[in-house]
């Protein structure tokens, strides 16, 4: 007589079905978020400078404002002031109407710089001039699309939530004791420092990209990884395995499209443009770009975002140490 295998003790088909449904909705959200956020970039209030006395800039400003919400126009008295504004990340570029010259930055890839080139090439042509373009903050020659910072941060973030998930599955979703919580956070810190340095070495020395600020870049990577790992561990401490799903929802499903990737934040759809600045993906990518291409200017906001995730994660992991609830436990198979 043929042997018919019995289901292992402790296996719960309703629980398996529940997890399959959760994965189904997570996958559907993944498709909806990536397609919705990245399929049709459209400029919205792209910060732009116009340089010169009011009588020279007023017609240009009026023309740009008639284009609706495409540009957010700022006036600057001198080219040096406009250059500082670009370096300080206040604008993506500036037009000098008296010279027919455009200042741009290609560090964000061709999308924003291309928009400015097209717009002011027409303006210069209407004035009988050929547009002259100066790249104030050029992209790395090996990264013309401006994607290396984005993919570097994706790699850091994926490793962060994966290491937190592995520790949670192996050691328990919540730390068993306060001491265990401290050890867990210390392990995350060591891992974050190591992978932050590894990512920097791979990008800078392995491929020759983003050179010039290795220590700052390593520090940004370490903070980014630790922040996401601590936040993931906090979610797991609160709601168990569902905390891992929540981390994937926040840091992958929402976070990656909201970071922009090949497009600056101002080109994303409204929802993703709104949530992006509050997520580690955008903060990490922005911090890497500012460190490498803009001499460390405007690092405060992205670093604060990462620090808040890290601080909240630390507090929650410590406060929830020893806590347990039904969704944090897999079926008991100890009686087999």
C-alpha atoms as a PDB file:
ATOM      1  CA  UNK A   1       0.000   0.000   0.000  1.00  0.00           C
ATOM      2  CA  UNK A   2       1.339   3.390  -0.976  1.00  0.00           C
ATOM      3  CA  UNK A   3       2.476   5.610   1.873  1.00  0.00           C
ATOM      4  CA  UNK A   4       0.569   8.859   2.129  1.00  0.00           C
ATOM      5  CA  UNK A   5       2.553  11.642   3.807  1.00  0.00           C
ATOM      6  CA  UNK A   6       0.802  13.482   6.574  1.00  0.00           C
ATOM      7  CA  UNK A   7       1.183  17.223   7.004  1.00  0.00           C
ATOM      8  CA  UNK A   8       3.838  18.114   9.562  1.00  0.00           C
ATOM      9  CA  UNK A   9       2.558  18.884  13.006  1.00  0.00           C
ATOM     10  CA  UNK A  10       2.091  22.559  13.626  1.00  0.00           C
ATOM     11  CA  UNK A  11       1.483  23.468   9.978  1.00  0.00           C
ATOM     12  CA  UNK A  12      -1.505  25.773   9.739  1.00  0.00           C
ATOM     13  CA  UNK A  13      -3.003  26.090   6.291  1.00  0.00           C
ATOM     14  CA  UNK A  14      -5.009  29.212   7.245  1.00  0.00           C
ATOM     15  CA  UNK A  15      -1.767  30.879   8.381  1.00  0.00           C
ATOM     16  CA  UNK A  16      -0.040  29.900   5.131  1.00  0.00           C
ATOM     17  CA  UNK A  17      -2.989  31.262   3.173  1.00  0.00           C
ATOM     18  CA  UNK A  18      -2.858  34.492   5.162  1.00  0.00           C
ATOM     19  CA  UNK A  19       0.823  34.966   4.308  1.00  0.00           C
ATOM     20  CA  UNK A  20       0.152  34.217   0.637  1.00  0.00           C
ATOM     21  CA  UNK A  21      -2.573  36.865   0.579  1.00  0.00           C
ATOM     22  CA  UNK A  22      -0.205  39.342   2.242  1.00  0.00           C
ATOM     23  CA  UNK A  23       2.478  38.634  -0.380  1.00  0.00           C
ATOM     24  CA  UNK A  24      -0.123  39.001  -3.132  1.00  0.00           C
ATOM     25  CA  UNK A  25      -1.104  42.488  -1.983  1.00  0.00           C
ATOM     26  CA  UNK A  26       2.532  43.459  -1.428  1.00  0.00           C
ATOM     27  CA  UNK A  27       3.377  42.409  -4.981  1.00  0.00           C
ATOM     28  CA  UNK A  28       0.385  44.291  -6.373  1.00  0.00           C
ATOM     29  CA  UNK A  29       1.455  47.376  -4.432  1.00  0.00           C
ATOM     30  CA  UNK A  30       4.971  47.008  -5.846  1.00  0.00           C
ATOM     31  CA  UNK A  31       3.666  47.101  -9.425  1.00  0.00           C
ATOM     32  CA  UNK A  32       1.276  49.972  -8.715  1.00  0.00           C
ATOM     33  CA  UNK A  33       3.929  52.067  -6.972  1.00  0.00           C
ATOM     34  CA  UNK A  34       6.709  51.646  -9.533  1.00  0.00           C
ATOM     35  CA  UNK A  35       4.441  52.174 -12.529  1.00  0.00           C
ATOM     36  CA  UNK A  36       2.541  55.034 -10.921  1.00  0.00           C
ATOM     37  CA  UNK A  37       5.622  56.812  -9.638  1.00  0.00           C
ATOM     38  CA  UNK A  38       8.022  56.441 -12.548  1.00  0.00           C
ATOM     39  CA  UNK A  39       6.110  55.841 -15.776  1.00  0.00           C
ATOM     40  CA  UNK A  40       5.492  59.466 -16.810  1.00  0.00           C
ATOM     41  CA  UNK A  41       7.872  62.034 -15.316  1.00  0.00           C
ATOM     42  CA  UNK A  42       6.443  65.546 -15.522  1.00  0.00           C
ATOM     43  CA  UNK A  43       8.180  68.700 -14.268  1.00  0.00           C
ATOM     44  CA  UNK A  44       6.478  70.465 -11.383  1.00  0.00           C
ATOM     45  CA  UNK A  45       7.893  73.722 -10.010  1.00  0.00           C
ATOM     46  CA  UNK A  46      11.479  72.930 -10.977  1.00  0.00           C
ATOM     47  CA  UNK A  47      13.631  75.554  -9.177  1.00  0.00           C
ATOM     48  CA  UNK A  48      15.321  77.803 -11.712  1.00  0.00           C
ATOM     49  CA  UNK A  49      17.324  81.022 -11.496  1.00  0.00           C
ATOM     50  CA  UNK A  50      17.274  84.035 -13.801  1.00  0.00           C
ATOM     51  CA  UNK A  51      20.265  86.367 -13.539  1.00  0.00           C
ATOM     52  CA  UNK A  52      20.580  90.090 -14.130  1.00  0.00           C
ATOM     53  CA  UNK A  53      18.848  93.420 -13.518  1.00  0.00           C
ATOM     54  CA  UNK A  54      15.078  93.481 -13.326  1.00  0.00           C
ATOM     55  CA  UNK A  55      14.601  95.072 -16.742  1.00  0.00           C
ATOM     56  CA  UNK A  56      16.516  92.174 -18.351  1.00  0.00           C
ATOM     57  CA  UNK A  57      15.003  89.313 -16.357  1.00  0.00           C
ATOM     58  CA  UNK A  58      11.368  90.465 -16.125  1.00  0.00           C
ATOM     59  CA  UNK A  59      10.375  89.345 -19.666  1.00  0.00           C
ATOM     60  CA  UNK A  60      12.023  85.939 -19.153  1.00  0.00           C
ATOM     61  CA  UNK A  61      10.323  85.455 -15.798  1.00  0.00           C
ATOM     62  CA  UNK A  62       6.955  86.417 -17.277  1.00  0.00           C
ATOM     63  CA  UNK A  63       7.409  83.929 -20.128  1.00  0.00           C
ATOM     64  CA  UNK A  64       8.344  81.118 -17.739  1.00  0.00           C
ATOM     65  CA  UNK A  65       5.430  81.822 -15.425  1.00  0.00           C
ATOM     66  CA  UNK A  66       3.024  81.608 -18.344  1.00  0.00           C
ATOM     67  CA  UNK A  67       4.089  77.968 -18.691  1.00  0.00           C
ATOM     68  CA  UNK A  68       2.090  77.117 -15.584  1.00  0.00           C
ATOM     69  CA  UNK A  69       3.733  75.185 -12.770  1.00  0.00           C
ATOM     70  CA  UNK A  70       6.729  73.908 -14.755  1.00  0.00           C
ATOM     71  CA  UNK A  71       9.231  76.257 -13.105  1.00  0.00           C
ATOM     72  CA  UNK A  72       9.706  77.927  -9.753  1.00  0.00           C
ATOM     73  CA  UNK A  73      11.628  81.063 -10.775  1.00  0.00           C
ATOM     74  CA  UNK A  74      14.195  82.809  -8.549  1.00  0.00           C
ATOM     75  CA  UNK A  75      15.983  86.053  -9.427  1.00  0.00           C
ATOM     76  CA  UNK A  76      19.712  86.530  -8.773  1.00  0.00           C
ATOM     77  CA  UNK A  77      21.704  89.737  -9.253  1.00  0.00           C
ATOM     78  CA  UNK A  78      24.976  88.182 -10.466  1.00  0.00           C
ATOM     79  CA  UNK A  79      26.268  84.958 -12.057  1.00  0.00           C
ATOM     80  CA  UNK A  80      28.273  84.218  -8.889  1.00  0.00           C
ATOM     81  CA  UNK A  81      25.092  84.380  -6.806  1.00  0.00           C
ATOM     82  CA  UNK A  82      23.423  81.961  -9.207  1.00  0.00           C
ATOM     83  CA  UNK A  83      26.377  79.585  -9.053  1.00  0.00           C
ATOM     84  CA  UNK A  84      26.197  79.608  -5.253  1.00  0.00           C
ATOM     85  CA  UNK A  85      22.476  78.871  -5.440  1.00  0.00           C
ATOM     86  CA  UNK A  86      23.160  75.866  -7.668  1.00  0.00           C
ATOM     87  CA  UNK A  87      25.893  74.639  -5.314  1.00  0.00           C
ATOM     88  CA  UNK A  88      23.583  75.144  -2.322  1.00  0.00           C
ATOM     89  CA  UNK A  89      20.899  73.070  -4.094  1.00  0.00           C
ATOM     90  CA  UNK A  90      18.445  75.980  -4.257  1.00  0.00           C
ATOM     91  CA  UNK A  91      18.039  75.736  -8.057  1.00  0.00           C
ATOM     92  CA  UNK A  92      18.870  73.259 -10.826  1.00  0.00           C
ATOM     93  CA  UNK A  93      20.242  75.919 -13.123  1.00  0.00           C
ATOM     94  CA  UNK A  94      20.165  79.602 -14.065  1.00  0.00           C
ATOM     95  CA  UNK A  95      19.742  81.609 -17.255  1.00  0.00           C
ATOM     96  CA  UNK A  96      21.730  84.763 -18.016  1.00  0.00           C
ATOM     97  CA  UNK A  97      19.594  86.577 -20.608  1.00  0.00           C
ATOM     98  CA  UNK A  98      22.102  89.348 -21.295  1.00  0.00           C
ATOM     99  CA  UNK A  99      24.706  86.755 -22.299  1.00  0.00           C
ATOM    100  CA  UNK A 100      22.448  84.067 -23.723  1.00  0.00           C
ATOM    101  CA  UNK A 101      24.162  81.652 -21.321  1.00  0.00           C
ATOM    102  CA  UNK A 102      22.699  78.823 -19.261  1.00  0.00           C
ATOM    103  CA  UNK A 103      24.220  77.406 -16.069  1.00  0.00           C
ATOM    104  CA  UNK A 104      23.186  73.807 -15.384  1.00  0.00           C
ATOM    105  CA  UNK A 105      24.134  70.775 -13.325  1.00  0.00           C
ATOM    106  CA  UNK A 106      24.172  67.352 -14.961  1.00  0.00           C
ATOM    107  CA  UNK A 107      24.746  65.553 -11.642  1.00  0.00           C
ATOM    108  CA  UNK A 108      21.054  64.584 -11.635  1.00  0.00           C
ATOM    109  CA  UNK A 109      21.231  63.076 -15.080  1.00  0.00           C
ATOM    110  CA  UNK A 110      19.839  64.456 -18.319  1.00  0.00           C
ATOM    111  CA  UNK A 111      16.227  65.029 -17.272  1.00  0.00           C
ATOM    112  CA  UNK A 112      16.442  68.379 -15.483  1.00  0.00           C
ATOM    113  CA  UNK A 113      19.397  69.660 -17.492  1.00  0.00           C
ATOM    114  CA  UNK A 114      17.698  68.595 -20.722  1.00  0.00           C
ATOM    115  CA  UNK A 115      14.525  70.456 -19.776  1.00  0.00           C
ATOM    116  CA  UNK A 116      16.532  73.635 -19.157  1.00  0.00           C
ATOM    117  CA  UNK A 117      18.531  73.234 -22.372  1.00  0.00           C
ATOM    118  CA  UNK A 118      15.385  72.800 -24.476  1.00  0.00           C
ATOM    119  CA  UNK A 119      13.576  75.680 -22.815  1.00  0.00           C
ATOM    120  CA  UNK A 120      16.352  78.246 -23.153  1.00  0.00           C
ATOM    121  CA  UNK A 121      17.577  77.086 -26.553  1.00  0.00           C
ATOM    122  CA  UNK A 122      14.202  78.283 -27.835  1.00  0.00           C
ATOM    123  CA  UNK A 123      14.495  81.493 -25.816  1.00  0.00           C
ATOM    124  CA  UNK A 124      17.962  82.227 -27.165  1.00  0.00           C
ATOM    125  CA  UNK A 125      16.885  81.390 -30.718  1.00  0.00           C
ATOM    126  CA  UNK A 126      13.995  83.851 -30.448  1.00  0.00           C
ATOM    127  CA  UNK A 127      16.576  86.495 -29.531  1.00  0.00           C
ATOM    128  CA  UNK A 128      18.755  85.549 -32.496  1.00  0.00           C
ATOM    129  CA  UNK A 129      21.415  83.840 -30.345  1.00  0.00           C
ATOM    130  CA  UNK A 130      22.909  80.404 -29.936  1.00  0.00           C
ATOM    131  CA  UNK A 131      22.598  79.179 -26.381  1.00  0.00           C
ATOM    132  CA  UNK A 132      25.870  78.796 -24.451  1.00  0.00           C
ATOM    133  CA  UNK A 133      25.809  76.157 -21.692  1.00  0.00           C
ATOM    134  CA  UNK A 134      28.090  75.855 -18.655  1.00  0.00           C
ATOM    135  CA  UNK A 135      27.879  72.759 -16.450  1.00  0.00           C
ATOM    136  CA  UNK A 136      28.459  73.957 -12.884  1.00  0.00           C
ATOM    137  CA  UNK A 137      28.279  70.492 -11.269  1.00  0.00           C
ATOM    138  CA  UNK A 138      28.917  67.875 -13.965  1.00  0.00           C
ATOM    139  CA  UNK A 139      28.047  64.225 -13.471  1.00  0.00           C
ATOM    140  CA  UNK A 140      30.796  61.665 -13.235  1.00  0.00           C
ATOM    141  CA  UNK A 141      31.895  60.745 -16.797  1.00  0.00           C
ATOM    142  CA  UNK A 142      31.021  57.125 -16.076  1.00  0.00           C
ATOM    143  CA  UNK A 143      27.548  58.026 -14.799  1.00  0.00           C
ATOM    144  CA  UNK A 144      25.915  60.266 -17.408  1.00  0.00           C
ATOM    145  CA  UNK A 145      22.427  59.237 -16.285  1.00  0.00           C
ATOM    146  CA  UNK A 146      23.124  60.139 -12.644  1.00  0.00           C
ATOM    147  CA  UNK A 147      22.039  56.698 -11.430  1.00  0.00           C
ATOM    148  CA  UNK A 148      25.058  55.541  -9.414  1.00  0.00           C
ATOM    149  CA  UNK A 149      24.010  57.330  -6.159  1.00  0.00           C
ATOM    150  CA  UNK A 150      20.505  55.855  -6.486  1.00  0.00           C
ATOM    151  CA  UNK A 151      21.678  52.272  -7.014  1.00  0.00           C
ATOM    152  CA  UNK A 152      24.320  52.563  -4.319  1.00  0.00           C
ATOM    153  CA  UNK A 153      21.653  53.571  -1.793  1.00  0.00           C
ATOM    154  CA  UNK A 154      19.290  50.830  -2.998  1.00  0.00           C
ATOM    155  CA  UNK A 155      22.043  48.286  -2.319  1.00  0.00           C
ATOM    156  CA  UNK A 156      22.600  49.674   1.160  1.00  0.00           C
ATOM    157  CA  UNK A 157      18.888  49.702   1.999  1.00  0.00           C
ATOM    158  CA  UNK A 158      18.189  46.193   0.697  1.00  0.00           C
ATOM    159  CA  UNK A 159      21.055  44.835   2.798  1.00  0.00           C
ATOM    160  CA  UNK A 160      19.754  46.716   5.838  1.00  0.00           C
ATOM    161  CA  UNK A 161      16.253  45.300   5.944  1.00  0.00           C
ATOM    162  CA  UNK A 162      17.506  41.843   4.955  1.00  0.00           C
ATOM    163  CA  UNK A 163      20.001  41.691   7.820  1.00  0.00           C
ATOM    164  CA  UNK A 164      17.320  42.845  10.269  1.00  0.00           C
ATOM    165  CA  UNK A 165      14.887  40.232   8.914  1.00  0.00           C
ATOM    166  CA  UNK A 166      17.481  37.433   9.180  1.00  0.00           C
ATOM    167  CA  UNK A 167      18.325  38.372  12.761  1.00  0.00           C
ATOM    168  CA  UNK A 168      14.624  38.508  13.594  1.00  0.00           C
ATOM    169  CA  UNK A 169      13.910  35.092  12.122  1.00  0.00           C
ATOM    170  CA  UNK A 170      16.905  33.498  13.824  1.00  0.00           C
ATOM    171  CA  UNK A 171      16.901  35.265  17.193  1.00  0.00           C
ATOM    172  CA  UNK A 172      13.233  36.184  17.527  1.00  0.00           C
ATOM    173  CA  UNK A 173      11.348  39.128  16.137  1.00  0.00           C
ATOM    174  CA  UNK A 174      11.685  41.055  19.393  1.00  0.00           C
ATOM    175  CA  UNK A 175      14.802  40.929  21.526  1.00  0.00           C
ATOM    176  CA  UNK A 176      14.334  38.571  24.464  1.00  0.00           C
ATOM    177  CA  UNK A 177      15.936  40.956  26.968  1.00  0.00           C
ATOM    178  CA  UNK A 178      17.188  44.534  27.123  1.00  0.00           C
ATOM    179  CA  UNK A 179      20.753  43.226  26.885  1.00  0.00           C
ATOM    180  CA  UNK A 180      19.843  41.220  23.791  1.00  0.00           C
ATOM    181  CA  UNK A 181      18.384  44.393  22.276  1.00  0.00           C
ATOM    182  CA  UNK A 182      21.593  46.320  22.921  1.00  0.00           C
ATOM    183  CA  UNK A 183      23.679  43.526  21.388  1.00  0.00           C
ATOM    184  CA  UNK A 184      21.359  43.402  18.380  1.00  0.00           C
ATOM    185  CA  UNK A 185      21.657  47.148  17.791  1.00  0.00           C
ATOM    186  CA  UNK A 186      25.434  46.993  18.227  1.00  0.00           C
ATOM    187  CA  UNK A 187      25.594  44.238  15.625  1.00  0.00           C
ATOM    188  CA  UNK A 188      23.580  46.422  13.239  1.00  0.00           C
ATOM    189  CA  UNK A 189      26.011  49.290  13.835  1.00  0.00           C
ATOM    190  CA  UNK A 190      29.054  47.139  13.067  1.00  0.00           C
ATOM    191  CA  UNK A 191      27.377  45.733   9.965  1.00  0.00           C
ATOM    192  CA  UNK A 192      26.335  49.216   8.830  1.00  0.00           C
ATOM    193  CA  UNK A 193      29.882  50.535   9.101  1.00  0.00           C
ATOM    194  CA  UNK A 194      31.232  47.540   7.179  1.00  0.00           C
ATOM    195  CA  UNK A 195      28.727  47.669   4.319  1.00  0.00           C
ATOM    196  CA  UNK A 196      28.950  51.460   4.152  1.00  0.00           C
ATOM    197  CA  UNK A 197      32.700  51.142   3.586  1.00  0.00           C
ATOM    198  CA  UNK A 198      32.261  48.223   1.175  1.00  0.00           C
ATOM    199  CA  UNK A 199      29.761  50.112  -0.966  1.00  0.00           C
ATOM    200  CA  UNK A 200      32.057  53.124  -1.115  1.00  0.00           C
ATOM    201  CA  UNK A 201      35.067  50.988  -2.068  1.00  0.00           C
ATOM    202  CA  UNK A 202      33.147  49.151  -4.784  1.00  0.00           C
ATOM    203  CA  UNK A 203      31.793  52.323  -6.359  1.00  0.00           C
ATOM    204  CA  UNK A 204      34.879  54.510  -5.946  1.00  0.00           C
ATOM    205  CA  UNK A 205      37.783  52.108  -6.370  1.00  0.00           C
ATOM    206  CA  UNK A 206      36.105  49.211  -8.143  1.00  0.00           C
ATOM    207  CA  UNK A 207      34.401  51.311 -10.829  1.00  0.00           C
ATOM    208  CA  UNK A 208      36.015  54.725 -10.412  1.00  0.00           C
ATOM    209  CA  UNK A 209      32.757  56.608  -9.751  1.00  0.00           C
ATOM    210  CA  UNK A 210      31.849  59.199  -7.094  1.00  0.00           C
ATOM    211  CA  UNK A 211      35.435  59.822  -6.058  1.00  0.00           C
ATOM    212  CA  UNK A 212      36.658  62.489  -3.676  1.00  0.00           C
ATOM    213  CA  UNK A 213      34.684  62.046  -0.445  1.00  0.00           C
ATOM    214  CA  UNK A 214      35.221  58.421   0.685  1.00  0.00           C
ATOM    215  CA  UNK A 215      34.921  59.030   4.440  1.00  0.00           C
ATOM    216  CA  UNK A 216      31.816  61.168   4.122  1.00  0.00           C
ATOM    217  CA  UNK A 217      30.274  58.681   1.703  1.00  0.00           C
ATOM    218  CA  UNK A 218      31.054  55.796   4.067  1.00  0.00           C
ATOM    219  CA  UNK A 219      29.463  57.676   6.959  1.00  0.00           C
ATOM    220  CA  UNK A 220      26.318  58.370   4.945  1.00  0.00           C
ATOM    221  CA  UNK A 221      26.101  54.704   3.966  1.00  0.00           C
ATOM    222  CA  UNK A 222      26.593  53.533   7.550  1.00  0.00           C
ATOM    223  CA  UNK A 223      23.879  55.882   8.836  1.00  0.00           C
ATOM    224  CA  UNK A 224      21.500  54.870   6.043  1.00  0.00           C
ATOM    225  CA  UNK A 225      21.972  51.148   6.671  1.00  0.00           C
ATOM    226  CA  UNK A 226      21.739  51.429  10.446  1.00  0.00           C
ATOM    227  CA  UNK A 227      18.617  53.609  10.225  1.00  0.00           C
ATOM    228  CA  UNK A 228      16.775  51.126   7.991  1.00  0.00           C
ATOM    229  CA  UNK A 229      17.944  48.071   9.956  1.00  0.00           C
ATOM    230  CA  UNK A 230      16.898  49.635  13.284  1.00  0.00           C
ATOM    231  CA  UNK A 231      13.536  50.745  11.864  1.00  0.00           C
ATOM    232  CA  UNK A 232      12.910  47.259  10.442  1.00  0.00           C
ATOM    233  CA  UNK A 233      13.810  45.642  13.769  1.00  0.00           C
ATOM    234  CA  UNK A 234      11.467  48.057  15.528  1.00  0.00           C
ATOM    235  CA  UNK A 235       8.583  47.097  13.224  1.00  0.00           C
ATOM    236  CA  UNK A 236       9.338  43.409  13.783  1.00  0.00           C
ATOM    237  CA  UNK A 237       9.452  43.967  17.550  1.00  0.00           C
ATOM    238  CA  UNK A 238       5.988  45.481  17.339  1.00  0.00           C
ATOM    239  CA  UNK A 239       4.146  43.224  14.873  1.00  0.00           C
ATOM    240  CA  UNK A 240       6.480  40.316  14.202  1.00  0.00           C
ATOM    241  CA  UNK A 241       6.892  38.949  10.690  1.00  0.00           C
ATOM    242  CA  UNK A 242       4.409  41.535   9.454  1.00  0.00           C
ATOM    243  CA  UNK A 243       6.973  44.134  10.454  1.00  0.00           C
ATOM    244  CA  UNK A 244       9.241  42.747   7.750  1.00  0.00           C
ATOM    245  CA  UNK A 245       6.430  43.205   5.230  1.00  0.00           C
ATOM    246  CA  UNK A 246       5.901  46.746   6.512  1.00  0.00           C
ATOM    247  CA  UNK A 247       9.616  47.487   5.999  1.00  0.00           C
ATOM    248  CA  UNK A 248       9.452  46.170   2.428  1.00  0.00           C
ATOM    249  CA  UNK A 249       6.348  48.274   1.796  1.00  0.00           C
ATOM    250  CA  UNK A 250       8.025  51.436   3.119  1.00  0.00           C
ATOM    251  CA  UNK A 251      11.598  50.987   1.913  1.00  0.00           C
ATOM    252  CA  UNK A 252      11.052  49.171  -1.392  1.00  0.00           C
ATOM    253  CA  UNK A 253       7.497  49.584  -2.638  1.00  0.00           C
ATOM    254  CA  UNK A 254       7.226  53.271  -1.719  1.00  0.00           C
ATOM    255  CA  UNK A 255      10.837  54.229  -1.090  1.00  0.00           C
ATOM    256  CA  UNK A 256      12.546  53.366  -4.355  1.00  0.00           C
ATOM    257  CA  UNK A 257      10.135  55.138  -6.743  1.00  0.00           C
ATOM    258  CA  UNK A 258       9.948  58.105  -4.361  1.00  0.00           C
ATOM    259  CA  UNK A 259      13.737  58.475  -4.423  1.00  0.00           C
ATOM    260  CA  UNK A 260      13.436  59.432  -8.090  1.00  0.00           C
ATOM    261  CA  UNK A 261      16.241  57.339  -9.526  1.00  0.00           C
ATOM    262  CA  UNK A 262      16.800  58.817 -12.979  1.00  0.00           C
ATOM    263  CA  UNK A 263      14.488  61.768 -12.239  1.00  0.00           C
ATOM    264  CA  UNK A 264      14.684  64.556  -9.663  1.00  0.00           C
ATOM    265  CA  UNK A 265      11.929  64.760  -7.067  1.00  0.00           C
ATOM    266  CA  UNK A 266      10.166  67.592  -8.939  1.00  0.00           C
ATOM    267  CA  UNK A 267       9.490  65.264 -11.891  1.00  0.00           C
ATOM    268  CA  UNK A 268       7.631  62.575  -9.930  1.00  0.00           C
ATOM    269  CA  UNK A 269       3.875  62.111  -9.658  1.00  0.00           C
ATOM    270  CA  UNK A 270       2.285  64.072  -6.761  1.00  0.00           C
ATOM    271  CA  UNK A 271       1.977  61.247  -4.213  1.00  0.00           C
ATOM    272  CA  UNK A 272       5.550  60.021  -4.638  1.00  0.00           C
ATOM    273  CA  UNK A 273       6.832  63.596  -4.724  1.00  0.00           C
ATOM    274  CA  UNK A 274       5.122  64.194  -1.377  1.00  0.00           C
ATOM    275  CA  UNK A 275       6.301  61.082   0.474  1.00  0.00           C
ATOM    276  CA  UNK A 276       9.814  60.881  -0.970  1.00  0.00           C
ATOM    277  CA  UNK A 277      11.534  63.414   1.307  1.00  0.00           C
ATOM    278  CA  UNK A 278      10.339  61.519   4.390  1.00  0.00           C
ATOM    279  CA  UNK A 279      11.843  58.159   3.428  1.00  0.00           C
ATOM    280  CA  UNK A 280      15.455  56.913   3.772  1.00  0.00           C
ATOM    281  CA  UNK A 281      15.717  56.132   0.056  1.00  0.00           C
ATOM    282  CA  UNK A 282      15.402  59.775  -0.984  1.00  0.00           C
ATOM    283  CA  UNK A 283      17.429  60.961   2.013  1.00  0.00           C
ATOM    284  CA  UNK A 284      20.302  58.587   1.287  1.00  0.00           C
ATOM    285  CA  UNK A 285      20.367  59.332  -2.452  1.00  0.00           C
ATOM    286  CA  UNK A 286      20.196  63.069  -1.835  1.00  0.00           C
ATOM    287  CA  UNK A 287      22.962  62.903   0.762  1.00  0.00           C
ATOM    288  CA  UNK A 288      25.256  60.931  -1.561  1.00  0.00           C
ATOM    289  CA  UNK A 289      24.731  63.381  -4.435  1.00  0.00           C
ATOM    290  CA  UNK A 290      25.265  66.399  -2.207  1.00  0.00           C
ATOM    291  CA  UNK A 291      28.420  64.920  -0.719  1.00  0.00           C
ATOM    292  CA  UNK A 292      29.988  64.005  -4.053  1.00  0.00           C
ATOM    293  CA  UNK A 293      28.817  66.680  -6.466  1.00  0.00           C
ATOM    294  CA  UNK A 294      27.990  69.699  -4.287  1.00  0.00           C
ATOM    295  CA  UNK A 295      30.876  69.765  -1.789  1.00  0.00           C
ATOM    296  CA  UNK A 296      28.684  68.587   1.084  1.00  0.00           C
ATOM    297  CA  UNK A 297      26.198  71.444   0.779  1.00  0.00           C
ATOM    298  CA  UNK A 298      22.597  70.934   1.926  1.00  0.00           C
ATOM    299  CA  UNK A 299      23.283  67.715   3.832  1.00  0.00           C
ATOM    300  CA  UNK A 300      21.307  68.746   6.898  1.00  0.00           C
ATOM    301  CA  UNK A 301      17.825  67.679   5.868  1.00  0.00           C
ATOM    302  CA  UNK A 302      18.640  64.223   4.456  1.00  0.00           C
ATOM    303  CA  UNK A 303      20.871  63.414   7.434  1.00  0.00           C
ATOM    304  CA  UNK A 304      18.132  64.489   9.863  1.00  0.00           C
ATOM    305  CA  UNK A 305      15.672  62.151   8.114  1.00  0.00           C
ATOM    306  CA  UNK A 306      18.084  59.224   8.463  1.00  0.00           C
ATOM    307  CA  UNK A 307      18.899  60.133  12.075  1.00  0.00           C
ATOM    308  CA  UNK A 308      15.194  60.197  13.004  1.00  0.00           C
ATOM    309  CA  UNK A 309      14.672  56.684  11.618  1.00  0.00           C
ATOM    310  CA  UNK A 310      17.737  55.510  13.537  1.00  0.00           C
ATOM    311  CA  UNK A 311      16.665  57.161  16.806  1.00  0.00           C
ATOM    312  CA  UNK A 312      13.079  55.911  16.642  1.00  0.00           C
ATOM    313  CA  UNK A 313      14.310  52.435  15.723  1.00  0.00           C
ATOM    314  CA  UNK A 314      16.735  52.334  18.674  1.00  0.00           C
ATOM    315  CA  UNK A 315      14.081  53.513  21.128  1.00  0.00           C
ATOM    316  CA  UNK A 316      11.468  51.034  19.911  1.00  0.00           C
ATOM    317  CA  UNK A 317      13.826  48.037  19.889  1.00  0.00           C
ATOM    318  CA  UNK A 318      14.920  48.802  23.460  1.00  0.00           C
ATOM    319  CA  UNK A 319      11.432  49.531  24.776  1.00  0.00           C
ATOM    320  CA  UNK A 320       9.863  46.455  23.154  1.00  0.00           C
ATOM    321  CA  UNK A 321      12.550  44.019  24.327  1.00  0.00           C
ATOM    322  CA  UNK A 322      10.929  40.910  25.818  1.00  0.00           C
ATOM    323  CA  UNK A 323       7.540  41.693  24.313  1.00  0.00           C
ATOM    324  CA  UNK A 324       5.591  38.989  22.509  1.00  0.00           C
ATOM    325  CA  UNK A 325       2.232  38.603  20.798  1.00  0.00           C
ATOM    326  CA  UNK A 326       0.516  35.938  18.657  1.00  0.00           C
ATOM    327  CA  UNK A 327       1.617  37.329  15.280  1.00  0.00           C
ATOM    328  CA  UNK A 328       5.251  37.085  16.368  1.00  0.00           C
ATOM    329  CA  UNK A 329       5.192  33.331  16.855  1.00  0.00           C
ATOM    330  CA  UNK A 330       5.268  30.637  14.209  1.00  0.00           C
ATOM    331  CA  UNK A 331       3.310  27.446  14.889  1.00  0.00           C
ATOM    332  CA  UNK A 332       4.898  25.449  17.677  1.00  0.00           C
ATOM    333  CA  UNK A 333       6.508  22.279  16.355  1.00  0.00           C
ATOM    334  CA  UNK A 334       8.380  21.370  19.501  1.00  0.00           C
ATOM    335  CA  UNK A 335       6.157  18.355  20.121  1.00  0.00           C
ATOM    336  CA  UNK A 336       7.208  16.556  16.953  1.00  0.00           C
END
